PDB file of N, CA and C in Angstrom:
ATOM      1  N   MET A   1     174.657  10.192 123.508  1.00  0.00           N
ATOM      2  CA  MET A   1     173.398  10.850 123.738  1.00  0.00           C
ATOM      3  C   MET A   1     173.388  11.381 125.162  1.00  0.00           C
ATOM      4  N   SER A   2     172.939  12.605 125.352  1.00  0.00           N
ATOM      5  CA  SER A   2     172.905  13.201 126.675  1.00  0.00           C
ATOM      6  C   SER A   2     171.603  12.827 127.370  1.00  0.00           C
ATOM      7  N   GLU A   3     171.600  12.944 128.701  1.00  0.00           N
ATOM      8  CA  GLU A   3     170.438  12.546 129.483  1.00  0.00           C
ATOM      9  C   GLU A   3     169.266  13.498 129.311  1.00  0.00           C
ATOM     10  N   GLY A   4     169.483  14.767 129.025  1.00  0.00           N
ATOM     11  CA  GLY A   4     168.429  15.760 128.931  1.00  0.00           C
ATOM     12  C   GLY A   4     167.643  15.717 127.639  1.00  0.00           C
ATOM     13  N   ASN A   5     168.138  15.056 126.608  1.00  0.00           N
ATOM     14  CA  ASN A   5     167.444  14.997 125.324  1.00  0.00           C
ATOM     15  C   ASN A   5     166.507  13.793 125.280  1.00  0.00           C
ATOM     16  N   LEU A   6     165.318  14.012 124.706  1.00  0.00           N
ATOM     17  CA  LEU A   6     164.377  12.918 124.512  1.00  0.00           C
ATOM     18  C   LEU A   6     164.395  12.509 123.059  1.00  0.00           C
ATOM     19  N   ASN A   7     164.438  11.234 122.821  1.00  0.00           N
ATOM     20  CA  ASN A   7     164.333  10.778 121.440  1.00  0.00           C
ATOM     21  C   ASN A   7     162.864  10.541 121.113  1.00  0.00           C
ATOM     22  N   GLU A   8     162.607  10.091 119.919  1.00  0.00           N
ATOM     23  CA  GLU A   8     161.225   9.913 119.480  1.00  0.00           C
ATOM     24  C   GLU A   8     160.502   8.876 120.333  1.00  0.00           C
ATOM     25  N   ASP A   9     161.177   7.809 120.725  1.00  0.00           N
ATOM     26  CA  ASP A   9     160.544   6.777 121.551  1.00  0.00           C
ATOM     27  C   ASP A   9     160.192   7.318 122.933  1.00  0.00           C
ATOM     28  N   GLY A  10     161.030   8.168 123.487  1.00  0.00           N
ATOM     29  CA  GLY A  10     160.752   8.777 124.786  1.00  0.00           C
ATOM     30  C   GLY A  10     159.549   9.692 124.732  1.00  0.00           C
ATOM     31  N   GLU A  11     159.414  10.460 123.657  1.00  0.00           N
ATOM     32  CA  GLU A  11     158.261  11.349 123.512  1.00  0.00           C
ATOM     33  C   GLU A  11     156.976  10.540 123.391  1.00  0.00           C
ATOM     34  N   ASN A  12     156.996   9.465 122.618  1.00  0.00           N
ATOM     35  CA  ASN A  12     155.812   8.623 122.481  1.00  0.00           C
ATOM     36  C   ASN A  12     155.447   7.970 123.806  1.00  0.00           C
ATOM     37  N   GLU A  13     156.463   7.593 124.572  1.00  0.00           N
ATOM     38  CA  GLU A  13     156.203   6.977 125.868  1.00  0.00           C
ATOM     39  C   GLU A  13     155.537   7.970 126.819  1.00  0.00           C
ATOM     40  N   VAL A  14     155.995   9.217 126.836  1.00  0.00           N
ATOM     41  CA  VAL A  14     155.417  10.243 127.694  1.00  0.00           C
ATOM     42  C   VAL A  14     153.978  10.535 127.274  1.00  0.00           C
ATOM     43  N   LYS A  15     153.743  10.656 125.966  1.00  0.00           N
ATOM     44  CA  LYS A  15     152.381  10.909 125.474  1.00  0.00           C
ATOM     45  C   LYS A  15     151.467   9.746 125.835  1.00  0.00           C
ATOM     46  N   GLY A  16     151.962   8.531 125.719  1.00  0.00           N
ATOM     47  CA  GLY A  16     151.170   7.346 126.068  1.00  0.00           C
ATOM     48  C   GLY A  16     150.810   7.334 127.539  1.00  0.00           C
ATOM     49  N   ASN A  17     151.756   7.712 128.408  1.00  0.00           N
ATOM     50  CA  ASN A  17     151.474   7.767 129.843  1.00  0.00           C
ATOM     51  C   ASN A  17     150.448   8.831 130.173  1.00  0.00           C
ATOM     52  N   VAL A  18     150.536   9.987 129.515  1.00  0.00           N
ATOM     53  CA  VAL A  18     149.579  11.068 129.750  1.00  0.00           C
ATOM     54  C   VAL A  18     148.183  10.632 129.319  1.00  0.00           C
ATOM     55  N   LEU A  19     148.076   9.973 128.172  1.00  0.00           N
ATOM     56  CA  LEU A  19     146.779   9.498 127.697  1.00  0.00           C
ATOM     57  C   LEU A  19     146.201   8.436 128.627  1.00  0.00           C
ATOM     58  N   LYS A  20     147.046   7.544 129.134  1.00  0.00           N
ATOM     59  CA  LYS A  20     146.582   6.524 130.071  1.00  0.00           C
ATOM     60  C   LYS A  20     146.058   7.157 131.353  1.00  0.00           C
ATOM     61  N   GLU A  21     146.794   8.146 131.857  1.00  0.00           N
ATOM     62  CA  GLU A  21     146.370   8.828 133.079  1.00  0.00           C
ATOM     63  C   GLU A  21     145.072   9.589 132.856  1.00  0.00           C
ATOM     64  N   ALA A  22     144.925  10.245 131.710  1.00  0.00           N
ATOM     65  CA  ALA A  22     143.709  11.003 131.407  1.00  0.00           C
ATOM     66  C   ALA A  22     142.512  10.067 131.283  1.00  0.00           C
ATOM     67  N   SER A  23     142.676   8.942 130.603  1.00  0.00           N
ATOM     68  CA  SER A  23     141.561   8.010 130.454  1.00  0.00           C
ATOM     69  C   SER A  23     141.225   7.358 131.788  1.00  0.00           C
ATOM     70  N   SER A  24     142.235   7.071 132.607  1.00  0.00           N
ATOM     71  CA  SER A  24     142.005   6.521 133.931  1.00  0.00           C
ATOM     72  C   SER A  24     141.235   7.522 134.796  1.00  0.00           C
ATOM     73  N   PHE A  25     141.598   8.786 134.703  1.00  0.00           N
ATOM     74  CA  PHE A  25     140.913   9.832 135.455  1.00  0.00           C
ATOM     75  C   PHE A  25     139.463   9.949 135.004  1.00  0.00           C
ATOM     76  N   ALA A  26     139.214   9.910 133.699  1.00  0.00           N
ATOM     77  CA  ALA A  26     137.853  10.005 133.172  1.00  0.00           C
ATOM     78  C   ALA A  26     137.001   8.826 133.629  1.00  0.00           C
ATOM     79  N   ILE A  27     137.585   7.635 133.635  1.00  0.00           N
ATOM     80  CA  ILE A  27     136.858   6.451 134.098  1.00  0.00           C
ATOM     81  C   ILE A  27     136.506   6.581 135.574  1.00  0.00           C
ATOM     82  N   GLU A  28     137.423   7.089 136.383  1.00  0.00           N
ATOM     83  CA  GLU A  28     137.153   7.283 137.807  1.00  0.00           C
ATOM     84  C   GLU A  28     136.049   8.315 138.037  1.00  0.00           C
ATOM     85  N   ILE A  29     136.046   9.383 137.247  1.00  0.00           N
ATOM     86  CA  ILE A  29     134.984  10.396 137.357  1.00  0.00           C
ATOM     87  C   ILE A  29     133.633   9.776 137.016  1.00  0.00           C
ATOM     88  N   ILE A  30     133.571   8.996 135.949  1.00  0.00           N
ATOM     89  CA  ILE A  30     132.319   8.352 135.544  1.00  0.00           C
ATOM     90  C   ILE A  30     131.841   7.373 136.619  1.00  0.00           C
ATOM     91  N   LYS A  31     132.755   6.599 137.195  1.00  0.00           N
ATOM     92  CA  LYS A  31     132.397   5.678 138.274  1.00  0.00           C
ATOM     93  C   LYS A  31     131.829   6.438 139.470  1.00  0.00           C
ATOM     94  N   THR A  32     132.473   7.550 139.819  1.00  0.00           N
ATOM     95  CA  THR A  32     132.026   8.347 140.957  1.00  0.00           C
ATOM     96  C   THR A  32     130.627   8.898 140.712  1.00  0.00           C
ATOM     97  N   ILE A  33     130.360   9.375 139.516  1.00  0.00           N
ATOM     98  CA  ILE A  33     129.037   9.917 139.186  1.00  0.00           C
ATOM     99  C   ILE A  33     127.984   8.817 139.259  1.00  0.00           C
ATOM    100  N   ILE A  34     128.269   7.642 138.724  1.00  0.00           N
ATOM    101  CA  ILE A  34     127.306   6.539 138.746  1.00  0.00           C
ATOM    102  C   ILE A  34     127.010   6.087 140.174  1.00  0.00           C
ATOM    103  N   ILE A  35     128.038   5.962 140.984  1.00  0.00           N
ATOM    104  CA  ILE A  35     127.843   5.557 142.381  1.00  0.00           C
ATOM    105  C   ILE A  35     127.049   6.617 143.137  1.00  0.00           C
ATOM    106  N   SER A  36     127.359   7.888 142.908  1.00  0.00           N
ATOM    107  CA  SER A  36     126.631   8.970 143.567  1.00  0.00           C
ATOM    108  C   SER A  36     125.154   8.954 143.197  1.00  0.00           C
ATOM    109  N   LEU A  37     124.858   8.779 141.922  1.00  0.00           N
ATOM    110  CA  LEU A  37     123.462   8.722 141.478  1.00  0.00           C
ATOM    111  C   LEU A  37     122.749   7.503 142.056  1.00  0.00           C
ATOM    112  N   ALA A  38     123.454   6.373 142.151  1.00  0.00           N
ATOM    113  CA  ALA A  38     122.851   5.171 142.717  1.00  0.00           C
ATOM    114  C   ALA A  38     122.510   5.346 144.190  1.00  0.00           C
ATOM    115  N   ILE A  39     123.218   6.217 144.874  1.00  0.00           N
ATOM    116  CA  ILE A  39     122.936   6.482 146.285  1.00  0.00           C
ATOM    117  C   ILE A  39     121.891   7.580 146.438  1.00  0.00           C
ATOM    118  N   VAL A  40     122.040   8.667 145.696  1.00  0.00           N
ATOM    119  CA  VAL A  40     121.202   9.846 145.889  1.00  0.00           C
ATOM    120  C   VAL A  40     119.779   9.664 145.351  1.00  0.00           C
ATOM    121  N   LEU A  41     119.620   9.098 144.182  1.00  0.00           N
ATOM    122  CA  LEU A  41     118.294   9.004 143.575  1.00  0.00           C
ATOM    123  C   LEU A  41     117.293   8.193 144.409  1.00  0.00           C
ATOM    124  N   PRO A  42     117.632   7.011 144.903  1.00  0.00           N
ATOM    125  CA  PRO A  42     116.654   6.310 145.754  1.00  0.00           C
ATOM    126  C   PRO A  42     116.323   7.082 147.031  1.00  0.00           C
ATOM    127  N   ILE A  43     117.320   7.729 147.613  1.00  0.00           N
ATOM    128  CA  ILE A  43     117.060   8.532 148.813  1.00  0.00           C
ATOM    129  C   ILE A  43     116.116   9.674 148.478  1.00  0.00           C
ATOM    130  N   ARG A  44     116.372  10.338 147.365  1.00  0.00           N
ATOM    131  CA  ARG A  44     115.573  11.502 146.954  1.00  0.00           C
ATOM    132  C   ARG A  44     114.123  11.125 146.653  1.00  0.00           C
ATOM    133  N   TYR A  45     113.894   9.990 146.024  1.00  0.00           N
ATOM    134  CA  TYR A  45     112.537   9.646 145.605  1.00  0.00           C
ATOM    135  C   TYR A  45     111.782   8.749 146.570  1.00  0.00           C
ATOM    136  N   PHE A  46     112.464   8.085 147.504  1.00  0.00           N
ATOM    137  CA  PHE A  46     111.764   7.167 148.392  1.00  0.00           C
ATOM    138  C   PHE A  46     111.896   7.507 149.874  1.00  0.00           C
ATOM    139  N   LEU A  47     112.907   8.272 150.276  1.00  0.00           N
ATOM    140  CA  LEU A  47     113.116   8.537 151.697  1.00  0.00           C
ATOM    141  C   LEU A  47     112.797   9.971 152.098  1.00  0.00           C
ATOM    142  N   VAL A  48     113.342  10.936 151.392  1.00  0.00           N
ATOM    143  CA  VAL A  48     113.124  12.351 151.718  1.00  0.00           C
ATOM    144  C   VAL A  48     112.847  13.128 150.442  1.00  0.00           C
ATOM    145  N   GLN A  49     112.116  14.226 150.600  1.00  0.00           N
ATOM    146  CA  GLN A  49     111.803  15.052 149.442  1.00  0.00           C
ATOM    147  C   GLN A  49     111.880  16.530 149.860  1.00  0.00           C
ATOM    148  N   PRO A  50     112.566  17.346 149.068  1.00  0.00           N
ATOM    149  CA  PRO A  50     112.691  18.765 149.414  1.00  0.00           C
ATOM    150  C   PRO A  50     111.496  19.580 148.906  1.00  0.00           C
ATOM    151  N   PHE A  51     111.113  20.600 149.683  1.00  0.00           N
ATOM    152  CA  PHE A  51     110.038  21.508 149.310  1.00  0.00           C
ATOM    153  C   PHE A  51     110.387  22.919 149.750  1.00  0.00           C
ATOM    154  N   PHE A  52     109.866  23.906 149.026  1.00  0.00           N
ATOM    155  CA  PHE A  52     109.921  25.298 149.454  1.00  0.00           C
ATOM    156  C   PHE A  52     108.541  25.695 149.944  1.00  0.00           C
ATOM    157  N   VAL A  53     108.489  26.404 151.052  1.00  0.00           N
ATOM    158  CA  VAL A  53     107.218  26.916 151.566  1.00  0.00           C
ATOM    159  C   VAL A  53     106.856  28.145 150.753  1.00  0.00           C
ATOM    160  N   SER A  54     105.631  28.150 150.259  1.00  0.00           N
ATOM    161  CA  SER A  54     105.146  29.288 149.475  1.00  0.00           C
ATOM    162  C   SER A  54     103.868  29.796 150.114  1.00  0.00           C
ATOM    163  N   GLY A  55     103.923  30.959 150.703  1.00  0.00           N
ATOM    164  CA  GLY A  55     102.754  31.529 151.366  1.00  0.00           C
ATOM    165  C   GLY A  55     102.950  31.596 152.865  1.00  0.00           C
ATOM    166  N   ALA A  56     101.992  32.213 153.526  1.00  0.00           N
ATOM    167  CA  ALA A  56     102.107  32.457 154.960  1.00  0.00           C
ATOM    168  C   ALA A  56     101.105  31.654 155.772  1.00  0.00           C
ATOM    169  N   SER A  57     100.516  30.617 155.206  1.00  0.00           N
ATOM    170  CA  SER A  57      99.460  29.889 155.912  1.00  0.00           C
ATOM    171  C   SER A  57      99.976  29.091 157.109  1.00  0.00           C
ATOM    172  N   MET A  58     101.257  28.801 157.166  1.00  0.00           N
ATOM    173  CA  MET A  58     101.796  27.994 158.255  1.00  0.00           C
ATOM    174  C   MET A  58     102.609  28.810 159.258  1.00  0.00           C
ATOM    175  N   GLU A  59     102.536  30.133 159.197  1.00  0.00           N
ATOM    176  CA  GLU A  59     103.272  30.945 160.176  1.00  0.00           C
ATOM    177  C   GLU A  59     102.641  30.775 161.539  1.00  0.00           C
ATOM    178  N   PRO A  60     103.345  30.768 162.603  1.00  0.00           N
ATOM    179  CA  PRO A  60     104.726  31.126 162.840  1.00  0.00           C
ATOM    180  C   PRO A  60     105.698  29.956 162.712  1.00  0.00           C
ATOM    181  N   ASN A  61     105.218  28.748 162.404  1.00  0.00           N
ATOM    182  CA  ASN A  61     106.127  27.598 162.326  1.00  0.00           C
ATOM    183  C   ASN A  61     106.989  27.597 161.077  1.00  0.00           C
ATOM    184  N   PHE A  62     106.377  27.808 159.911  1.00  0.00           N
ATOM    185  CA  PHE A  62     107.088  27.798 158.641  1.00  0.00           C
ATOM    186  C   PHE A  62     106.795  29.095 157.918  1.00  0.00           C
ATOM    187  N   HIS A  63     107.832  29.763 157.462  1.00  0.00           N
ATOM    188  CA  HIS A  63     107.688  31.059 156.809  1.00  0.00           C
ATOM    189  C   HIS A  63     107.861  30.924 155.301  1.00  0.00           C
ATOM    190  N   ASN A  64     107.342  31.893 154.586  1.00  0.00           N
ATOM    191  CA  ASN A  64     107.441  31.920 153.132  1.00  0.00           C
ATOM    192  C   ASN A  64     108.908  31.837 152.698  1.00  0.00           C
ATOM    193  N   GLY A  65     109.201  30.941 151.750  1.00  0.00           N
ATOM    194  CA  GLY A  65     110.550  30.812 151.214  1.00  0.00           C
ATOM    195  C   GLY A  65     111.447  29.839 151.960  1.00  0.00           C
ATOM    196  N   GLU A  66     110.979  29.261 153.058  1.00  0.00           N
ATOM    197  CA  GLU A  66     111.808  28.297 153.781  1.00  0.00           C
ATOM    198  C   GLU A  66     111.936  27.003 152.990  1.00  0.00           C
ATOM    199  N   TYR A  67     113.053  26.337 153.185  1.00  0.00           N
ATOM    200  CA  TYR A  67     113.361  25.077 152.507  1.00  0.00           C
ATOM    201  C   TYR A  67     113.130  23.954 153.498  1.00  0.00           C
ATOM    202  N   LEU A  68     112.254  23.008 153.155  1.00  0.00           N
ATOM    203  CA  LEU A  68     111.951  21.887 154.037  1.00  0.00           C
ATOM    204  C   LEU A  68     112.395  20.583 153.391  1.00  0.00           C
ATOM    205  N   ILE A  69     112.843  19.654 154.203  1.00  0.00           N
ATOM    206  CA  ILE A  69     113.121  18.301 153.742  1.00  0.00           C
ATOM    207  C   ILE A  69     112.121  17.401 154.457  1.00  0.00           C
ATOM    208  N   ILE A  70     111.235  16.785 153.668  1.00  0.00           N
ATOM    209  CA  ILE A  70     110.115  16.026 154.199  1.00  0.00           C
ATOM    210  C   ILE A  70     110.468  14.536 154.237  1.00  0.00           C
ATOM    211  N   ASP A  71     110.163  13.915 155.353  1.00  0.00           N
ATOM    212  CA  ASP A  71     110.363  12.480 155.548  1.00  0.00           C
ATOM    213  C   ASP A  71     109.248  11.721 154.825  1.00  0.00           C
ATOM    214  N   GLU A  72     109.600  10.800 153.943  1.00  0.00           N
ATOM    215  CA  GLU A  72     108.615  10.045 153.168  1.00  0.00           C
ATOM    216  C   GLU A  72     108.262   8.699 153.813  1.00  0.00           C
ATOM    217  N   ILE A  73     109.000   8.268 154.801  1.00  0.00           N
ATOM    218  CA  ILE A  73     108.840   6.912 155.333  1.00  0.00           C
ATOM    219  C   ILE A  73     107.916   6.832 156.547  1.00  0.00           C
ATOM    220  N   SER A  74     107.879   7.840 157.364  1.00  0.00           N
ATOM    221  CA  SER A  74     107.171   7.771 158.645  1.00  0.00           C
ATOM    222  C   SER A  74     105.739   7.303 158.521  1.00  0.00           C
ATOM    223  N   TYR A  75     105.018   7.813 157.543  1.00  0.00           N
ATOM    224  CA  TYR A  75     103.600   7.489 157.442  1.00  0.00           C
ATOM    225  C   TYR A  75     103.340   6.152 156.768  1.00  0.00           C
ATOM    226  N   ARG A  76     104.386   5.460 156.360  1.00  0.00           N
ATOM    227  CA  ARG A  76     104.220   4.082 155.893  1.00  0.00           C
ATOM    228  C   ARG A  76     104.144   3.129 157.092  1.00  0.00           C
ATOM    229  N   PHE A  77     104.677   3.570 158.231  1.00  0.00           N
ATOM    230  CA  PHE A  77     104.679   2.729 159.423  1.00  0.00           C
ATOM    231  C   PHE A  77     103.712   3.209 160.496  1.00  0.00           C
ATOM    232  N   ASN A  78     103.419   4.508 160.524  1.00  0.00           N
ATOM    233  CA  ASN A  78     102.519   5.087 161.525  1.00  0.00           C
ATOM    234  C   ASN A  78     101.438   5.890 160.808  1.00  0.00           C
ATOM    235  N   SER A  79     100.271   5.967 161.431  1.00  0.00           N
ATOM    236  CA  SER A  79      99.192   6.753 160.828  1.00  0.00           C
ATOM    237  C   SER A  79      99.353   8.229 161.186  1.00  0.00           C
ATOM    238  N   VAL A  80      98.655   9.067 160.454  1.00  0.00           N
ATOM    239  CA  VAL A  80      98.691  10.510 160.686  1.00  0.00           C
ATOM    240  C   VAL A  80      97.978  10.812 161.996  1.00  0.00           C
ATOM    241  N   GLN A  81      98.593  11.628 162.830  1.00  0.00           N
ATOM    242  CA  GLN A  81      98.030  12.006 164.126  1.00  0.00           C
ATOM    243  C   GLN A  81      97.600  13.466 164.113  1.00  0.00           C
ATOM    244  N   ARG A  82      96.706  13.797 164.992  1.00  0.00           N
ATOM    245  CA  ARG A  82      96.278  15.183 165.135  1.00  0.00           C
ATOM    246  C   ARG A  82      97.473  16.047 165.535  1.00  0.00           C
ATOM    247  N   GLY A  83      97.656  17.171 164.858  1.00  0.00           N
ATOM    248  CA  GLY A  83      98.759  18.078 165.149  1.00  0.00           C
ATOM    249  C   GLY A  83      99.956  17.899 164.239  1.00  0.00           C
ATOM    250  N   ASP A  84     100.000  16.805 163.462  1.00  0.00           N
ATOM    251  CA  ASP A  84     101.098  16.585 162.520  1.00  0.00           C
ATOM    252  C   ASP A  84     101.024  17.594 161.380  1.00  0.00           C
ATOM    253  N   VAL A  85     102.169  17.930 160.844  1.00  0.00           N
ATOM    254  CA  VAL A  85     102.236  18.772 159.656  1.00  0.00           C
ATOM    255  C   VAL A  85     102.488  17.845 158.479  1.00  0.00           C
ATOM    256  N   ILE A  86     101.630  17.951 157.454  1.00  0.00           N
ATOM    257  CA  ILE A  86     101.762  17.070 156.303  1.00  0.00           C
ATOM    258  C   ILE A  86     101.905  17.891 155.022  1.00  0.00           C
ATOM    259  N   VAL A  87     102.506  17.283 154.024  1.00  0.00           N
ATOM    260  CA  VAL A  87     102.611  17.859 152.686  1.00  0.00           C
ATOM    261  C   VAL A  87     101.851  16.915 151.764  1.00  0.00           C
ATOM    262  N   PHE A  88     100.957  17.470 150.949  1.00  0.00           N
ATOM    263  CA  PHE A  88     100.144  16.633 150.078  1.00  0.00           C
ATOM    264  C   PHE A  88      99.860  17.344 148.760  1.00  0.00           C
ATOM    265  N   LYS A  89      99.526  16.526 147.752  1.00  0.00           N
ATOM    266  CA  LYS A  89      99.080  17.066 146.458  1.00  0.00           C
ATOM    267  C   LYS A  89      97.604  17.347 146.545  1.00  0.00           C
ATOM    268  N   TYR A  90      97.187  18.488 146.028  1.00  0.00           N
ATOM    269  CA  TYR A  90      95.772  18.812 145.992  1.00  0.00           C
ATOM    270  C   TYR A  90      95.086  17.849 145.031  1.00  0.00           C
ATOM    271  N   PRO A  91      94.126  17.052 145.510  1.00  0.00           N
ATOM    272  CA  PRO A  91      93.582  15.973 144.683  1.00  0.00           C
ATOM    273  C   PRO A  91      92.688  16.422 143.527  1.00  0.00           C
ATOM    274  N   TYR A  92      92.131  17.626 143.582  1.00  0.00           N
ATOM    275  CA  TYR A  92      91.172  18.029 142.559  1.00  0.00           C
ATOM    276  C   TYR A  92      91.744  18.999 141.546  1.00  0.00           C
ATOM    277  N   GLY A  93      92.977  19.366 141.677  1.00  0.00           N
ATOM    278  CA  GLY A  93      93.587  20.328 140.768  1.00  0.00           C
ATOM    279  C   GLY A  93      94.277  19.655 139.601  1.00  0.00           C
ATOM    280  N   ALA A  94      94.311  20.352 138.485  1.00  0.00           N
ATOM    281  CA  ALA A  94      95.005  19.838 137.306  1.00  0.00           C
ATOM    282  C   ALA A  94      96.511  20.037 137.444  1.00  0.00           C
ATOM    283  N   ASN A  95      96.911  21.047 138.221  1.00  0.00           N
ATOM    284  CA  ASN A  95      98.346  21.307 138.399  1.00  0.00           C
ATOM    285  C   ASN A  95      98.915  20.388 139.472  1.00  0.00           C
ATOM    286  N   LYS A  96     100.219  20.289 139.511  1.00  0.00           N
ATOM    287  CA  LYS A  96     100.909  19.379 140.434  1.00  0.00           C
ATOM    288  C   LYS A  96     101.414  20.119 141.660  1.00  0.00           C
ATOM    289  N   GLU A  97     100.603  20.984 142.220  1.00  0.00           N
ATOM    290  CA  GLU A  97     101.030  21.755 143.385  1.00  0.00           C
ATOM    291  C   GLU A  97     100.914  20.919 144.658  1.00  0.00           C
ATOM    292  N   TYR A  98     101.851  21.161 145.557  1.00  0.00           N
ATOM    293  CA  TYR A  98     101.819  20.530 146.861  1.00  0.00           C
ATOM    294  C   TYR A  98     101.418  21.571 147.893  1.00  0.00           C
ATOM    295  N   TYR A  99     100.723  21.120 148.924  1.00  0.00           N
ATOM    296  CA  TYR A  99     100.288  22.007 149.996  1.00  0.00           C
ATOM    297  C   TYR A  99     100.831  21.483 151.315  1.00  0.00           C
ATOM    298  N   ILE A 100     101.074  22.396 152.235  1.00  0.00           N
ATOM    299  CA  ILE A 100     101.518  22.038 153.578  1.00  0.00           C
ATOM    300  C   ILE A 100     100.456  22.519 154.555  1.00  0.00           C
ATOM    301  N   GLN A 101      99.999  21.618 155.417  1.00  0.00           N
ATOM    302  CA  GLN A 101      98.965  21.954 156.390  1.00  0.00           C
ATOM    303  C   GLN A 101      99.173  21.153 157.666  1.00  0.00           C
ATOM    304  N   ARG A 102      98.582  21.653 158.732  1.00  0.00           N
ATOM    305  CA  ARG A 102      98.588  20.924 160.003  1.00  0.00           C
ATOM    306  C   ARG A 102      97.309  20.109 160.069  1.00  0.00           C
ATOM    307  N   VAL A 103      97.413  18.872 160.544  1.00  0.00           N
ATOM    308  CA  VAL A 103      96.244  18.008 160.677  1.00  0.00           C
ATOM    309  C   VAL A 103      95.469  18.439 161.913  1.00  0.00           C
ATOM    310  N   VAL A 104      94.186  18.795 161.688  1.00  0.00           N
ATOM    311  CA  VAL A 104      93.333  19.258 162.773  1.00  0.00           C
ATOM    312  C   VAL A 104      92.421  18.133 163.235  1.00  0.00           C
ATOM    313  N   ARG A 105      92.008  17.324 162.305  1.00  0.00           N
ATOM    314  CA  ARG A 105      91.040  16.293 162.615  1.00  0.00           C
ATOM    315  C   ARG A 105      91.389  14.994 161.889  1.00  0.00           C
ATOM    316  N   VAL A 106      91.238  13.879 162.578  1.00  0.00           N
ATOM    317  CA  VAL A 106      91.453  12.574 161.962  1.00  0.00           C
ATOM    318  C   VAL A 106      90.178  11.753 162.125  1.00  0.00           C
ATOM    319  N   PRO A 107      89.974  10.759 161.273  1.00  0.00           N
ATOM    320  CA  PRO A 107      88.757   9.936 161.402  1.00  0.00           C
ATOM    321  C   PRO A 107      88.678   9.244 162.757  1.00  0.00           C
ATOM    322  N   GLY A 108      87.455   9.183 163.291  1.00  0.00           N
ATOM    323  CA  GLY A 108      87.221   8.482 164.546  1.00  0.00           C
ATOM    324  C   GLY A 108      87.462   9.381 165.715  1.00  0.00           C
TER     325      GLY A 108
END
């Protein structure tokens, strides 16, 4: 038998190795996706939240179409101060729109 020819057992061995490598690769991809989601989702929902500015009410600081990343933690430790820019849900609307405004007045 020459070295360049593969017999039936050699072909099965090569196919088995390819299948093992493919399944190993798929498992690694799934692990990576799960780990990424475990890191990103808590950050996205509890630490920072992205928003697009819609409208010109906050010019010259924020322009229409700008992308903002809002800190969700600061106001859990500190109260809102005069001059802060806040993002909030309109409390009386049926829609889930968020608004961005500068704080002009605080209680007291």
